Amino acid sequence: MKKAFSLLFTILIVTILSLVSINIFQSRAINNQNTINQYLYIQANNHLDFLQEYINSLKNLKNSDEIKIDSNRFDIIAKVKKDEKSTKIFMSVKAKDYDIRVQRTLIK
């Protein structure tokens, strides 16, 4: 009877500790993924700011319908749509490997 009780108690302790450790590892994995997404969002925002500064520095947008900047990790695209009165520029930065996209519209 004594051995059965100690075996049951040991199995119970091992089960509880394994469940707690799984919960800790899941929390750390989610925290790491959030940190990666936060870093990529900041980087995508910086690319979008650069794209806006680049478009503002261009003197003539009449020759181009789309501006594309090559990057290893991001798709950086600006689409130019001309109306009678103004020019609308839809800027978009999207991460290639993650679900992160930042967009902005510029009217000139």
Protein backbone atom coordinates (compact mmCIF):
# COMPACT_ATOMS: atom_id res chain seq x y z
CA MET A 1 0.00 0.00 0.00
CA LYS A 2 2.85 2.33 0.81
CA LYS A 3 4.54 1.75 -2.57
CA ALA A 4 1.32 2.31 -4.51
CA PHE A 5 0.67 5.60 -2.72
CA SER A 6 4.22 6.84 -3.37
CA LEU A 7 3.98 5.82 -7.05
CA LEU A 8 0.62 7.60 -7.44
CA PHE A 9 1.99 10.69 -5.71
CA THR A 10 5.08 10.68 -7.99
CA ILE A 11 2.96 10.36 -11.14
CA LEU A 12 0.74 13.21 -9.95
CA ILE A 13 3.72 15.49 -9.25
CA VAL A 14 5.36 14.70 -12.62
CA THR A 15 2.08 15.41 -14.44
CA ILE A 16 1.57 18.74 -12.69
CA LEU A 17 5.15 19.84 -13.32
CA SER A 18 4.97 18.85 -17.00
CA LEU A 19 1.75 20.84 -17.48
CA VAL A 20 3.28 23.88 -15.81
CA SER A 21 6.44 23.62 -17.93
CA ILE A 22 4.40 23.32 -21.15
CA ASN A 23 2.48 26.46 -20.18
CA ILE A 24 5.74 28.34 -19.52
CA PHE A 25 7.23 27.30 -22.88
CA GLN A 26 4.07 28.33 -24.73
CA SER A 27 4.15 31.75 -23.05
CA ARG A 28 7.78 32.24 -24.04
CA ALA A 29 7.10 31.21 -27.64
CA ILE A 30 4.21 33.68 -27.89
CA ASN A 31 6.37 36.40 -26.33
CA ASN A 32 9.14 35.75 -28.88
CA GLN A 33 6.65 35.89 -31.76
CA ASN A 34 5.23 39.19 -30.46
CA THR A 35 8.74 40.64 -30.24
CA ILE A 36 9.47 39.60 -33.84
CA ASN A 37 6.18 41.11 -35.07
CA GLN A 38 6.86 44.34 -33.18
CA TYR A 39 10.35 44.61 -34.70
CA LEU A 40 9.03 43.97 -38.21
CA TYR A 41 6.22 46.51 -37.76
CA ILE A 42 8.73 49.19 -36.74
CA GLN A 43 10.95 48.29 -39.70
CA ALA A 44 7.99 48.38 -42.11
CA ASN A 45 6.98 51.78 -40.74
CA ASN A 46 10.52 53.07 -41.32
CA HIS A 47 10.41 51.79 -44.91
CA LEU A 48 7.08 53.55 -45.41
CA ASP A 49 8.51 56.83 -44.07
CA PHE A 50 11.48 56.46 -46.44
CA LEU A 51 9.13 55.79 -49.37
CA GLN A 52 7.11 58.90 -48.55
CA GLU A 53 10.26 61.04 -48.35
CA TYR A 54 11.46 59.56 -51.65
CA ILE A 55 8.16 60.32 -53.38
CA ASN A 56 8.12 63.85 -51.97
CA SER A 57 11.63 64.39 -53.34
CA LEU A 58 10.57 63.41 -56.87
CA LYS A 59 9.71 66.39 -59.01
CA ASN A 60 7.72 64.63 -61.71
CA LEU A 61 5.43 61.65 -61.09
CA LYS A 62 3.73 61.81 -64.49
CA ASN A 63 6.03 59.22 -66.05
CA SER A 64 5.37 56.42 -63.59
CA ASP A 65 2.28 54.49 -62.54
CA GLU A 66 4.04 52.34 -59.95
CA ILE A 67 7.17 52.76 -57.86
CA LYS A 68 8.74 49.58 -56.52
CA ILE A 69 11.79 49.32 -54.26
CA ASP A 70 13.62 45.99 -54.03
CA SER A 71 14.15 44.54 -50.57
CA ASN A 72 14.92 41.06 -49.27
CA ARG A 73 12.31 41.04 -46.49
CA PHE A 74 9.66 43.52 -47.67
CA ASP A 75 7.54 44.34 -50.72
CA ILE A 76 7.68 48.14 -51.01
CA ILE A 77 5.20 49.47 -53.56
CA ALA A 78 3.65 52.84 -54.37
CA LYS A 79 0.82 53.06 -56.92
CA VAL A 80 0.16 56.43 -58.52
CA LYS A 81 -3.38 57.33 -59.64
CA LYS A 82 -3.91 60.63 -61.37
CA ASP A 83 -7.18 62.55 -61.26
CA GLU A 84 -8.03 65.82 -62.95
CA LYS A 85 -7.24 67.87 -59.85
CA SER A 86 -4.80 65.81 -57.81
CA THR A 87 -2.54 62.80 -57.72
CA LYS A 88 -3.21 60.03 -55.21
CA ILE A 89 -0.35 57.79 -54.20
CA PHE A 90 -1.16 54.54 -52.38
CA MET A 91 1.94 53.37 -50.52
CA SER A 92 2.22 49.86 -49.12
CA VAL A 93 4.96 47.96 -47.29
CA LYS A 94 4.39 44.24 -46.70
CA ALA A 95 6.67 41.70 -45.04
CA LYS A 96 7.34 38.72 -47.31
CA ASP A 97 7.50 36.02 -44.63
CA TYR A 98 5.08 37.43 -42.02
CA ASP A 99 1.55 38.86 -41.96
CA ILE A 100 2.56 42.48 -41.51
CA ARG A 101 1.43 45.27 -43.82
CA VAL A 102 1.56 49.04 -43.37
CA GLN A 103 -0.29 51.35 -45.77
CA ARG A 104 -0.59 55.06 -46.29
CA THR A 105 -2.22 57.36 -48.86
CA LEU A 106 -0.53 60.54 -50.04
CA ILE A 107 -2.37 63.23 -52.00
CA LYS A 108 -0.39 65.77 -54.02
